[in-house]
Amino acid sequence: MKLTGLLIVFAMMALAKDVDFTSNLPAKGTFPAKWIHGSKSLLDNKDPQIQVHWYNPHTVIMRENKAYNYEGAFMYLYFGNERAILLDQGSTAQPSEWNLRKVVDGLIAEWCQRNGRDAKEYKLVLAFSHLHGDHYAAQNQFLDRPYTTIMGLTHEEMVGFWGMKNYPDERVEFDLGGRKLWVWGNPGHIDSEFAYYDTYTQILFTGDMFYRGRCYIGNFGLWMKSMEKLVAFAAKYPVAHIVGCHIEISAKGEDYPRGTTYQPDEPPLQMDVAMLLRTHEFAKTKVKGPGIYFTGDVYLCNQTRGKTTIDKNPYVY
């Protein structure tokens, strides 16, 4: 190895101190005042392919440009001392169209440089919230990435990835190197999905099961059980924020219909425990069967997959 290379290695080793992910919790962070939210003319869209926001020095939240896919998916990159995890991989598969791999590799290089790690050997884990394509489409971009572990695309592979023996009731712990995630089954939107709690930021990620928009419920019984677990969890453990995968609602509570590529009046991504509790109470007393129910915070689309609030399926109050 050349002298310059040795000096770089020694300099990195000198910087390589373990980050303390267990003190002064929750680790504070910020959300942007506005996320990229599409444009009236997609031909004139000048937003980046992916909006990158450093919530804090060890946590990144990203949003997919709605000009590339109307889903406008959110993705979460958590760094630990030994590895990072990328929760959800967006809606667009082709790197020539939307290069998630390049963005993530750049973020890893930036974090490793700040924290004295070798980016070429830093490990990455790819997992996702549930088994719908808009949450793992870009997974293929990472197939040849060294030191990378990727969740499989069947229910059995998803559950086995976490070593779960009793899905959905079992909760497992996944260590990123001092920073621990808690993972458990969170079905109801569909059968194969998870909730993720980051013990460092105390952010609870609920995927498409609960988020600011159209909560499509495929199995109401499973969804209610998952809501009960979330409510019980929030009563026992501190939750700084609840986040999901999309925003599909305006700040005034109006629905942005499926396929919308311009959402200029969005509410914040983050939700709080009070909203979770209100939704749970509403569902217990108001949801009587298939239909679209507006809670005042979100739309509960019970067994109406494929329909939106502008379709013929009636509102129910």
C-alpha atoms as a PDB file:
ATOM      1  CA  MET A   1       0.000   0.000   0.000  1.00  0.00           C
ATOM      2  CA  LYS A   2       1.291   3.464  -0.898  1.00  0.00           C
ATOM      3  CA  LEU A   3       2.187   5.873   1.891  1.00  0.00           C
ATOM      4  CA  THR A   4      -0.765   8.130   1.067  1.00  0.00           C
ATOM      5  CA  GLY A   5      -3.134   5.195   1.386  1.00  0.00           C
ATOM      6  CA  LEU A   6      -1.644   4.209   4.738  1.00  0.00           C
ATOM      7  CA  LEU A   7      -1.977   7.734   6.045  1.00  0.00           C
ATOM      8  CA  ILE A   8      -5.660   7.779   5.043  1.00  0.00           C
ATOM      9  CA  VAL A   9      -6.271   4.457   6.802  1.00  0.00           C
ATOM     10  CA  PHE A  10      -4.502   5.632   9.973  1.00  0.00           C
ATOM     11  CA  ALA A  11      -6.449   8.911   9.907  1.00  0.00           C
ATOM     12  CA  MET A  12      -9.733   7.004   9.611  1.00  0.00           C
ATOM     13  CA  MET A  13      -8.768   4.703  12.470  1.00  0.00           C
ATOM     14  CA  ALA A  14      -8.054   7.731  14.639  1.00  0.00           C
ATOM     15  CA  LEU A  15     -11.533   9.097  13.890  1.00  0.00           C
ATOM     16  CA  ALA A  16     -13.314   5.772  14.386  1.00  0.00           C
ATOM     17  CA  LYS A  17     -15.005   6.218  17.726  1.00  0.00           C
ATOM     18  CA  ASP A  18     -18.166   4.340  18.479  1.00  0.00           C
ATOM     19  CA  VAL A  19     -21.238   6.547  18.487  1.00  0.00           C
ATOM     20  CA  ASP A  20     -23.247   6.449  21.708  1.00  0.00           C
ATOM     21  CA  PHE A  21     -26.778   5.472  20.711  1.00  0.00           C
ATOM     22  CA  THR A  22     -28.059   4.877  24.244  1.00  0.00           C
ATOM     23  CA  SER A  23     -27.702   8.193  26.110  1.00  0.00           C
ATOM     24  CA  ASN A  24     -29.769  11.386  26.085  1.00  0.00           C
ATOM     25  CA  LEU A  25     -32.721   9.792  24.342  1.00  0.00           C
ATOM     26  CA  PRO A  26     -34.590  10.419  22.233  1.00  0.00           C
ATOM     27  CA  ALA A  27     -31.977  11.705  19.831  1.00  0.00           C
ATOM     28  CA  LYS A  28     -33.411  14.961  18.570  1.00  0.00           C
ATOM     29  CA  GLY A  29     -33.934  15.683  14.912  1.00  0.00           C
ATOM     30  CA  THR A  30     -35.772  17.899  12.476  1.00  0.00           C
ATOM     31  CA  PHE A  31     -38.180  17.468   9.603  1.00  0.00           C
ATOM     32  CA  PRO A  32     -38.164  19.809   6.606  1.00  0.00           C
ATOM     33  CA  ALA A  33     -40.762  22.558   6.478  1.00  0.00           C
ATOM     34  CA  LYS A  34     -41.828  21.183   3.082  1.00  0.00           C
ATOM     35  CA  TRP A  35     -41.080  17.969   1.241  1.00  0.00           C
ATOM     36  CA  ILE A  36     -40.814  17.892  -2.536  1.00  0.00           C
ATOM     37  CA  HIS A  37     -44.398  17.321  -3.632  1.00  0.00           C
ATOM     38  CA  GLY A  38     -44.511  17.193  -7.426  1.00  0.00           C
ATOM     39  CA  SER A  39     -45.363  19.961  -9.858  1.00  0.00           C
ATOM     40  CA  LYS A  40     -48.198  21.069 -12.131  1.00  0.00           C
ATOM     41  CA  SER A  41     -46.190  20.125 -15.198  1.00  0.00           C
ATOM     42  CA  LEU A  42     -43.976  17.085 -14.773  1.00  0.00           C
ATOM     43  CA  LEU A  43     -42.008  18.135 -17.858  1.00  0.00           C
ATOM     44  CA  ASP A  44     -40.960  21.250 -15.944  1.00  0.00           C
ATOM     45  CA  ASN A  45     -40.198  19.478 -12.667  1.00  0.00           C
ATOM     46  CA  LYS A  46     -36.840  20.654 -11.324  1.00  0.00           C
ATOM     47  CA  ASP A  47     -36.778  18.760  -8.020  1.00  0.00           C
ATOM     48  CA  PRO A  48     -34.060  16.167  -7.399  1.00  0.00           C
ATOM     49  CA  GLN A  49     -34.878  12.528  -8.106  1.00  0.00           C
ATOM     50  CA  ILE A  50     -34.712  11.898  -4.372  1.00  0.00           C
ATOM     51  CA  GLN A  51     -34.997  14.469  -1.613  1.00  0.00           C
ATOM     52  CA  VAL A  52     -32.417  13.774   1.096  1.00  0.00           C
ATOM     53  CA  HIS A  53     -32.993  15.113   4.593  1.00  0.00           C
ATOM     54  CA  TRP A  54     -30.609  14.480   7.481  1.00  0.00           C
ATOM     55  CA  TYR A  55     -32.987  14.218  10.438  1.00  0.00           C
ATOM     56  CA  ASN A  56     -29.891  14.136  12.632  1.00  0.00           C
ATOM     57  CA  PRO A  57     -26.240  13.183  11.983  1.00  0.00           C
ATOM     58  CA  HIS A  58     -27.047   9.449  12.037  1.00  0.00           C
ATOM     59  CA  THR A  59     -30.532   9.368  10.482  1.00  0.00           C
ATOM     60  CA  VAL A  60     -31.674  10.147   6.945  1.00  0.00           C
ATOM     61  CA  ILE A  61     -35.210  10.418   5.580  1.00  0.00           C
ATOM     62  CA  MET A  62     -35.649  10.421   1.799  1.00  0.00           C
ATOM     63  CA  ARG A  63     -38.584  11.066  -0.485  1.00  0.00           C
ATOM     64  CA  GLU A  64     -39.099   9.901  -4.038  1.00  0.00           C
ATOM     65  CA  ASN A  65     -39.877  12.617  -6.570  1.00  0.00           C
ATOM     66  CA  LYS A  66     -43.520  12.312  -7.625  1.00  0.00           C
ATOM     67  CA  ALA A  67     -42.490  13.120 -11.209  1.00  0.00           C
ATOM     68  CA  TYR A  68     -40.882   9.670 -11.301  1.00  0.00           C
ATOM     69  CA  ASN A  69     -43.698   7.888  -9.487  1.00  0.00           C
ATOM     70  CA  TYR A  70     -46.897   9.303  -8.037  1.00  0.00           C
ATOM     71  CA  GLU A  71     -46.437   7.207  -4.880  1.00  0.00           C
ATOM     72  CA  GLY A  72     -43.858   9.729  -3.634  1.00  0.00           C
ATOM     73  CA  ALA A  73     -42.531   7.055  -1.286  1.00  0.00           C
ATOM     74  CA  PHE A  74     -40.553   7.848   1.872  1.00  0.00           C
ATOM     75  CA  MET A  75     -37.472   5.822   2.829  1.00  0.00           C
ATOM     76  CA  TYR A  76     -35.504   5.708   6.083  1.00  0.00           C
ATOM     77  CA  LEU A  77     -31.745   5.170   6.437  1.00  0.00           C
ATOM     78  CA  TYR A  78     -30.500   4.480   9.975  1.00  0.00           C
ATOM     79  CA  PHE A  79     -26.758   4.329  10.715  1.00  0.00           C
ATOM     80  CA  GLY A  80     -25.190   2.222  13.456  1.00  0.00           C
ATOM     81  CA  ASN A  81     -21.575   1.564  14.403  1.00  0.00           C
ATOM     82  CA  GLU A  82     -21.460  -1.683  12.411  1.00  0.00           C
ATOM     83  CA  ARG A  83     -24.094  -1.335   9.703  1.00  0.00           C
ATOM     84  CA  ALA A  84     -26.879   0.798   8.302  1.00  0.00           C
ATOM     85  CA  ILE A  85     -30.406  -0.255   7.439  1.00  0.00           C
ATOM     86  CA  LEU A  86     -32.490   1.162   4.595  1.00  0.00           C
ATOM     87  CA  LEU A  87     -36.196   0.746   5.301  1.00  0.00           C
ATOM     88  CA  ASP A  88     -38.097   0.721   1.988  1.00  0.00           C
ATOM     89  CA  GLN A  89     -36.582   1.158  -1.444  1.00  0.00           C
ATOM     90  CA  GLY A  90     -39.166   3.180  -3.310  1.00  0.00           C
ATOM     91  CA  SER A  91     -41.332   2.688  -6.361  1.00  0.00           C
ATOM     92  CA  THR A  92     -38.927   2.948  -9.307  1.00  0.00           C
ATOM     93  CA  ALA A  93     -36.709   0.044 -10.299  1.00  0.00           C
ATOM     94  CA  GLN A  94     -34.547   1.315 -13.157  1.00  0.00           C
ATOM     95  CA  PRO A  95     -31.321   3.055 -12.039  1.00  0.00           C
ATOM     96  CA  SER A  96     -31.182   4.866 -15.377  1.00  0.00           C
ATOM     97  CA  GLU A  97     -34.473   6.516 -14.414  1.00  0.00           C
ATOM     98  CA  TRP A  98     -34.058   6.838 -10.657  1.00  0.00           C
ATOM     99  CA  ASN A  99     -30.747   5.930  -9.041  1.00  0.00           C
ATOM    100  CA  LEU A 100     -31.387   5.140  -5.384  1.00  0.00           C
ATOM    101  CA  ARG A 101     -28.170   3.107  -5.154  1.00  0.00           C
ATOM    102  CA  LYS A 102     -26.030   6.103  -6.094  1.00  0.00           C
ATOM    103  CA  VAL A 103     -27.731   8.324  -3.521  1.00  0.00           C
ATOM    104  CA  VAL A 104     -27.462   5.760  -0.720  1.00  0.00           C
ATOM    105  CA  ASP A 105     -23.818   4.989  -1.484  1.00  0.00           C
ATOM    106  CA  GLY A 106     -23.107   8.703  -1.336  1.00  0.00           C
ATOM    107  CA  LEU A 107     -24.817   9.038   2.025  1.00  0.00           C
ATOM    108  CA  ILE A 108     -22.895   6.061   3.404  1.00  0.00           C
ATOM    109  CA  ALA A 109     -19.620   7.554   2.163  1.00  0.00           C
ATOM    110  CA  GLU A 110     -20.491  10.866   3.834  1.00  0.00           C
ATOM    111  CA  TRP A 111     -21.376   9.229   7.150  1.00  0.00           C
ATOM    112  CA  CYS A 112     -18.312   6.985   7.102  1.00  0.00           C
ATOM    113  CA  GLN A 113     -16.005   9.910   6.411  1.00  0.00           C
ATOM    114  CA  ARG A 114     -17.432  11.797   9.384  1.00  0.00           C
ATOM    115  CA  ASN A 115     -17.213   8.774  11.664  1.00  0.00           C
ATOM    116  CA  GLY A 116     -13.908   7.206  10.653  1.00  0.00           C
ATOM    117  CA  ARG A 117     -15.270   4.149   8.837  1.00  0.00           C
ATOM    118  CA  ASP A 118     -14.268   2.539   5.568  1.00  0.00           C
ATOM    119  CA  ALA A 119     -17.253   3.049   3.285  1.00  0.00           C
ATOM    120  CA  LYS A 120     -16.178   0.178   1.038  1.00  0.00           C
ATOM    121  CA  GLU A 121     -16.572  -2.298   3.892  1.00  0.00           C
ATOM    122  CA  TYR A 122     -19.422  -0.703   5.805  1.00  0.00           C
ATOM    123  CA  LYS A 123     -22.402  -3.048   5.869  1.00  0.00           C
ATOM    124  CA  LEU A 124     -25.861  -2.245   4.572  1.00  0.00           C
ATOM    125  CA  VAL A 125     -29.145  -4.028   5.237  1.00  0.00           C
ATOM    126  CA  LEU A 126     -32.168  -3.592   2.963  1.00  0.00           C
ATOM    127  CA  ALA A 127     -35.575  -4.269   4.488  1.00  0.00           C
ATOM    128  CA  PHE A 128     -39.046  -2.948   3.816  1.00  0.00           C
ATOM    129  CA  SER A 129     -42.358  -2.379   5.539  1.00  0.00           C
ATOM    130  CA  HIS A 130     -44.550  -4.717   3.515  1.00  0.00           C
ATOM    131  CA  LEU A 131     -44.860  -6.808   0.418  1.00  0.00           C
ATOM    132  CA  HIS A 132     -46.007  -4.212  -2.124  1.00  0.00           C
ATOM    133  CA  GLY A 133     -43.774  -3.227  -5.027  1.00  0.00           C
ATOM    134  CA  ASP A 134     -43.697   0.500  -4.293  1.00  0.00           C
ATOM    135  CA  HIS A 135     -41.702  -0.346  -1.171  1.00  0.00           C
ATOM    136  CA  TYR A 136     -38.963  -2.539  -2.645  1.00  0.00           C
ATOM    137  CA  ALA A 137     -38.828  -1.706  -6.375  1.00  0.00           C
ATOM    138  CA  ALA A 138     -35.222  -0.442  -6.310  1.00  0.00           C
ATOM    139  CA  GLN A 139     -33.938  -3.422  -4.349  1.00  0.00           C
ATOM    140  CA  ASN A 140     -32.428  -4.811  -7.550  1.00  0.00           C
ATOM    141  CA  GLN A 141     -30.019  -1.869  -7.734  1.00  0.00           C
ATOM    142  CA  PHE A 142     -28.166  -3.258  -4.700  1.00  0.00           C
ATOM    143  CA  LEU A 143     -27.870  -6.915  -5.724  1.00  0.00           C
ATOM    144  CA  ASP A 144     -24.162  -6.647  -6.569  1.00  0.00           C
ATOM    145  CA  ARG A 145     -23.268  -4.326  -3.692  1.00  0.00           C
ATOM    146  CA  PRO A 146     -20.624  -5.862  -1.377  1.00  0.00           C
ATOM    147  CA  TYR A 147     -21.374  -6.245   2.340  1.00  0.00           C
ATOM    148  CA  THR A 148     -25.105  -5.968   1.673  1.00  0.00           C
ATOM    149  CA  THR A 149     -27.937  -8.136   3.020  1.00  0.00           C
ATOM    150  CA  ILE A 150     -31.350  -7.951   1.354  1.00  0.00           C
ATOM    151  CA  MET A 151     -34.756  -9.092   2.588  1.00  0.00           C
ATOM    152  CA  GLY A 152     -36.467 -11.641   0.347  1.00  0.00           C
ATOM    153  CA  LEU A 153     -39.745 -11.146  -1.494  1.00  0.00           C
ATOM    154  CA  THR A 154     -41.950 -13.823   0.024  1.00  0.00           C
ATOM    155  CA  HIS A 155     -43.754 -13.843   3.356  1.00  0.00           C
ATOM    156  CA  GLU A 156     -41.605 -16.743   4.565  1.00  0.00           C
ATOM    157  CA  GLU A 157     -38.389 -14.961   3.605  1.00  0.00           C
ATOM    158  CA  MET A 158     -39.544 -11.726   5.243  1.00  0.00           C
ATOM    159  CA  VAL A 159     -40.372 -13.414   8.538  1.00  0.00           C
ATOM    160  CA  GLY A 160     -37.238 -15.588   8.407  1.00  0.00           C
ATOM    161  CA  PHE A 161     -35.099 -12.515   7.733  1.00  0.00           C
ATOM    162  CA  TRP A 162     -35.765 -11.396  11.316  1.00  0.00           C
ATOM    163  CA  GLY A 163     -35.643 -14.899  12.769  1.00  0.00           C
ATOM    164  CA  MET A 164     -39.237 -14.660  13.923  1.00  0.00           C
ATOM    165  CA  LYS A 165     -40.842 -17.853  15.198  1.00  0.00           C
ATOM    166  CA  ASN A 166     -44.253 -16.413  16.096  1.00  0.00           C
ATOM    167  CA  TYR A 167     -45.411 -13.865  13.510  1.00  0.00           C
ATOM    168  CA  PRO A 168     -47.047 -11.403  14.002  1.00  0.00           C
ATOM    169  CA  ASP A 169     -46.943 -11.395  17.813  1.00  0.00           C
ATOM    170  CA  GLU A 170     -43.201 -11.835  18.371  1.00  0.00           C
ATOM    171  CA  ARG A 171     -41.019  -8.747  18.694  1.00  0.00           C
ATOM    172  CA  VAL A 172     -37.350  -9.080  17.769  1.00  0.00           C
ATOM    173  CA  GLU A 173     -34.366  -6.793  18.256  1.00  0.00           C
ATOM    174  CA  PHE A 174     -31.964  -5.962  15.452  1.00  0.00           C
ATOM    175  CA  ASP A 175     -28.629  -4.395  16.390  1.00  0.00           C
ATOM    176  CA  LEU A 176     -26.988  -1.972  13.961  1.00  0.00           C
ATOM    177  CA  GLY A 177     -24.010  -1.668  16.289  1.00  0.00           C
ATOM    178  CA  GLY A 178     -25.143   0.044  19.462  1.00  0.00           C
ATOM    179  CA  ARG A 179     -28.315   1.305  17.769  1.00  0.00           C
ATOM    180  CA  LYS A 180     -31.174  -1.139  18.142  1.00  0.00           C
ATOM    181  CA  LEU A 181     -34.363  -1.537  16.168  1.00  0.00           C
ATOM    182  CA  TRP A 182     -37.407  -3.400  17.430  1.00  0.00           C
ATOM    183  CA  VAL A 183     -39.395  -5.193  14.763  1.00  0.00           C
ATOM    184  CA  TRP A 184     -42.764  -6.941  14.949  1.00  0.00           C
ATOM    185  CA  GLY A 185     -45.603  -8.029  12.694  1.00  0.00           C
ATOM    186  CA  ASN A 186     -48.046  -5.250  11.807  1.00  0.00           C
ATOM    187  CA  PRO A 187     -50.577  -6.814   9.382  1.00  0.00           C
ATOM    188  CA  GLY A 188     -53.948  -5.492   8.296  1.00  0.00           C
ATOM    189  CA  HIS A 189     -53.108  -3.412   5.248  1.00  0.00           C
ATOM    190  CA  ILE A 190     -51.898  -6.750   3.909  1.00  0.00           C
ATOM    191  CA  ASP A 191     -50.812  -9.909   5.711  1.00  0.00           C
ATOM    192  CA  SER A 192     -47.033  -9.494   5.257  1.00  0.00           C
ATOM    193  CA  GLU A 193     -45.871  -6.311   6.955  1.00  0.00           C
ATOM    194  CA  PHE A 194     -43.854  -5.010   9.886  1.00  0.00           C
ATOM    195  CA  ALA A 195     -43.616  -2.108  12.307  1.00  0.00           C
ATOM    196  CA  TYR A 196     -40.155  -0.734  13.135  1.00  0.00           C
ATOM    197  CA  TYR A 197     -39.195   1.205  16.261  1.00  0.00           C
ATOM    198  CA  ASP A 198     -35.826   2.933  16.408  1.00  0.00           C
ATOM    199  CA  THR A 199     -34.717   3.059  20.049  1.00  0.00           C
ATOM    200  CA  TYR A 200     -32.305   5.923  19.281  1.00  0.00           C
ATOM    201  CA  THR A 201     -34.720   8.475  17.789  1.00  0.00           C
ATOM    202  CA  GLN A 202     -37.803   6.768  19.237  1.00  0.00           C
ATOM    203  CA  ILE A 203     -39.436   7.029  15.819  1.00  0.00           C
ATOM    204  CA  LEU A 204     -42.107   4.407  15.136  1.00  0.00           C
ATOM    205  CA  PHE A 205     -42.430   3.471  11.456  1.00  0.00           C
ATOM    206  CA  THR A 206     -45.832   1.971  10.598  1.00  0.00           C
ATOM    207  CA  GLY A 207     -45.577   1.665   6.815  1.00  0.00           C
ATOM    208  CA  ASP A 208     -48.913   1.724   4.979  1.00  0.00           C
ATOM    209  CA  MET A 209     -50.825   0.312   7.922  1.00  0.00           C
ATOM    210  CA  PHE A 210     -51.130   3.788   9.479  1.00  0.00           C
ATOM    211  CA  TYR A 211     -50.044   6.975   7.722  1.00  0.00           C
ATOM    212  CA  ARG A 212     -51.273  10.368   6.505  1.00  0.00           C
ATOM    213  CA  GLY A 213     -53.486   9.316   3.673  1.00  0.00           C
ATOM    214  CA  ARG A 214     -55.611   6.381   2.537  1.00  0.00           C
ATOM    215  CA  CYS A 215     -55.037   3.540   4.962  1.00  0.00           C
ATOM    216  CA  TYR A 216     -56.177   0.667   2.757  1.00  0.00           C
ATOM    217  CA  ILE A 217     -57.349  -2.111   5.054  1.00  0.00           C
ATOM    218  CA  GLY A 218     -57.379  -5.573   3.523  1.00  0.00           C
ATOM    219  CA  ASN A 219     -58.268  -7.441   6.711  1.00  0.00           C
ATOM    220  CA  PHE A 220     -60.056  -5.330   9.300  1.00  0.00           C
ATOM    221  CA  GLY A 221     -59.692  -7.892  12.097  1.00  0.00           C
ATOM    222  CA  LEU A 222     -55.913  -8.089  11.645  1.00  0.00           C
ATOM    223  CA  TRP A 223     -55.692  -4.312  11.280  1.00  0.00           C
ATOM    224  CA  MET A 224     -57.525  -3.750  14.558  1.00  0.00           C
ATOM    225  CA  LYS A 225     -55.249  -6.205  16.361  1.00  0.00           C
ATOM    226  CA  SER A 226     -52.237  -4.379  14.964  1.00  0.00           C
ATOM    227  CA  MET A 227     -53.679  -1.041  16.061  1.00  0.00           C
ATOM    228  CA  GLU A 228     -54.214  -2.446  19.548  1.00  0.00           C
ATOM    229  CA  LYS A 229     -50.560  -3.522  19.667  1.00  0.00           C
ATOM    230  CA  LEU A 230     -49.418  -0.082  18.514  1.00  0.00           C
ATOM    231  CA  VAL A 231     -51.571   1.637  21.132  1.00  0.00           C
ATOM    232  CA  ALA A 232     -50.290  -0.696  23.859  1.00  0.00           C
ATOM    233  CA  PHE A 233     -46.702  -0.133  22.706  1.00  0.00           C
ATOM    234  CA  ALA A 234     -47.092   3.652  22.789  1.00  0.00           C
ATOM    235  CA  ALA A 235     -48.519   3.421  26.315  1.00  0.00           C
ATOM    236  CA  LYS A 236     -45.459   1.504  27.506  1.00  0.00           C
ATOM    237  CA  TYR A 237     -42.604   3.062  25.528  1.00  0.00           C
ATOM    238  CA  PRO A 238     -41.809   6.644  24.510  1.00  0.00           C
ATOM    239  CA  VAL A 239     -42.684   7.501  20.913  1.00  0.00           C
ATOM    240  CA  ALA A 240     -41.291  10.776  19.594  1.00  0.00           C
ATOM    241  CA  HIS A 241     -42.934  10.525  16.168  1.00  0.00           C
ATOM    242  CA  ILE A 242     -44.918   8.080  14.075  1.00  0.00           C
ATOM    243  CA  VAL A 243     -44.090   8.009  10.370  1.00  0.00           C
ATOM    244  CA  GLY A 244     -45.428   6.148   7.350  1.00  0.00           C
ATOM    245  CA  CYS A 245     -44.570   5.597   3.699  1.00  0.00           C
ATOM    246  CA  HIS A 246     -46.670   8.226   1.898  1.00  0.00           C
ATOM    247  CA  ILE A 247     -48.636  11.449   2.185  1.00  0.00           C
ATOM    248  CA  GLU A 248     -51.979  11.322   0.327  1.00  0.00           C
ATOM    249  CA  ILE A 249     -53.985  13.989   2.113  1.00  0.00           C
ATOM    250  CA  SER A 250     -53.968  17.778   2.224  1.00  0.00           C
ATOM    251  CA  ALA A 251     -53.360  19.848   5.308  1.00  0.00           C
ATOM    252  CA  LYS A 252     -57.133  20.530   5.323  1.00  0.00           C
ATOM    253  CA  GLY A 253     -57.975  16.835   5.282  1.00  0.00           C
ATOM    254  CA  GLU A 254     -58.867  16.611   1.601  1.00  0.00           C
ATOM    255  CA  ASP A 255     -57.942  13.472  -0.304  1.00  0.00           C
ATOM    256  CA  TYR A 256     -55.296  13.613  -3.014  1.00  0.00           C
ATOM    257  CA  PRO A 257     -56.697  10.926  -5.350  1.00  0.00           C
ATOM    258  CA  ARG A 258     -54.627   7.938  -6.392  1.00  0.00           C
ATOM    259  CA  GLY A 259     -52.249   8.931  -9.178  1.00  0.00           C
ATOM    260  CA  THR A 260     -51.919  12.582  -8.097  1.00  0.00           C
ATOM    261  CA  THR A 261     -48.516  13.997  -9.049  1.00  0.00           C
ATOM    262  CA  TYR A 262     -48.849  17.466  -7.521  1.00  0.00           C
ATOM    263  CA  GLN A 263     -49.655  17.913  -3.822  1.00  0.00           C
ATOM    264  CA  PRO A 264     -48.901  21.534  -2.906  1.00  0.00           C
ATOM    265  CA  ASP A 265     -50.737  21.605   0.426  1.00  0.00           C
ATOM    266  CA  GLU A 266     -49.408  18.598   2.312  1.00  0.00           C
ATOM    267  CA  PRO A 267     -49.474  18.138   6.085  1.00  0.00           C
ATOM    268  CA  PRO A 268     -46.292  17.049   7.868  1.00  0.00           C
ATOM    269  CA  LEU A 269     -45.079  13.491   7.380  1.00  0.00           C
ATOM    270  CA  GLN A 270     -44.777  12.939  11.129  1.00  0.00           C
ATOM    271  CA  MET A 271     -47.746  12.008  13.299  1.00  0.00           C
ATOM    272  CA  ASP A 272     -48.102  11.763  17.055  1.00  0.00           C
ATOM    273  CA  VAL A 273     -49.479   9.243  19.516  1.00  0.00           C
ATOM    274  CA  ALA A 274     -52.646  11.311  20.009  1.00  0.00           C
ATOM    275  CA  MET A 275     -53.512  10.771  16.327  1.00  0.00           C
ATOM    276  CA  LEU A 276     -52.934   7.043  16.720  1.00  0.00           C
ATOM    277  CA  LEU A 277     -55.269   6.957  19.719  1.00  0.00           C
ATOM    278  CA  ARG A 278     -57.960   8.969  17.926  1.00  0.00           C
ATOM    279  CA  THR A 279     -57.820   6.660  14.927  1.00  0.00           C
ATOM    280  CA  HIS A 280     -58.037   3.573  17.103  1.00  0.00           C
ATOM    281  CA  GLU A 281     -61.058   4.902  18.999  1.00  0.00           C
ATOM    282  CA  PHE A 282     -62.760   5.955  15.772  1.00  0.00           C
ATOM    283  CA  ALA A 283     -62.236   2.524  14.200  1.00  0.00           C
ATOM    284  CA  LYS A 284     -63.644   0.750  17.250  1.00  0.00           C
ATOM    285  CA  THR A 285     -66.932   2.618  17.122  1.00  0.00           C
ATOM    286  CA  LYS A 286     -67.433   3.898  13.565  1.00  0.00           C
ATOM    287  CA  VAL A 287     -66.167   1.278  11.125  1.00  0.00           C
ATOM    288  CA  LYS A 288     -69.074  -1.108  10.569  1.00  0.00           C
ATOM    289  CA  GLY A 289     -68.143  -2.687   7.244  1.00  0.00           C
ATOM    290  CA  PRO A 290     -66.581  -2.012   3.844  1.00  0.00           C
ATOM    291  CA  GLY A 291     -66.384   1.672   2.974  1.00  0.00           C
ATOM    292  CA  ILE A 292     -64.271   4.808   3.188  1.00  0.00           C
ATOM    293  CA  TYR A 293     -64.292   6.436   6.611  1.00  0.00           C
ATOM    294  CA  PHE A 294     -62.717   9.838   7.294  1.00  0.00           C
ATOM    295  CA  THR A 295     -61.503  10.040  10.880  1.00  0.00           C
ATOM    296  CA  GLY A 296     -60.633  13.728  10.793  1.00  0.00           C
ATOM    297  CA  ASP A 297     -56.970  12.769  10.437  1.00  0.00           C
ATOM    298  CA  VAL A 298     -56.776   9.920   7.896  1.00  0.00           C
ATOM    299  CA  TYR A 299     -58.990   7.913   5.546  1.00  0.00           C
ATOM    300  CA  LEU A 300     -59.703   4.339   6.579  1.00  0.00           C
ATOM    301  CA  CYS A 301     -60.430   2.526   3.336  1.00  0.00           C
ATOM    302  CA  ASN A 302     -61.866  -0.719   4.636  1.00  0.00           C
ATOM    303  CA  GLN A 303     -61.803  -3.382   1.924  1.00  0.00           C
ATOM    304  CA  THR A 304     -61.871  -0.783  -0.864  1.00  0.00           C
ATOM    305  CA  ARG A 305     -58.491  -1.439  -2.460  1.00  0.00           C
ATOM    306  CA  GLY A 306     -58.383   0.085  -5.915  1.00  0.00           C
ATOM    307  CA  LYS A 307     -60.964   2.735  -5.066  1.00  0.00           C
ATOM    308  CA  THR A 308     -60.319   6.230  -3.764  1.00  0.00           C
ATOM    309  CA  THR A 309     -62.434   8.927  -2.197  1.00  0.00           C
ATOM    310  CA  ILE A 310     -63.478  10.244  -5.618  1.00  0.00           C
ATOM    311  CA  ASP A 311     -64.772   6.873  -6.793  1.00  0.00           C
ATOM    312  CA  LYS A 312     -68.351   5.664  -6.447  1.00  0.00           C
ATOM    313  CA  ASN A 313     -67.720   3.771  -3.230  1.00  0.00           C
ATOM    314  CA  PRO A 314     -69.558   5.999  -0.744  1.00  0.00           C
ATOM    315  CA  TYR A 315     -68.166   7.782   2.236  1.00  0.00           C
ATOM    316  CA  VAL A 316     -69.358   6.384   5.547  1.00  0.00           C
ATOM    317  CA  TYR A 317     -69.574   8.511   8.702  1.00  0.00           C
END
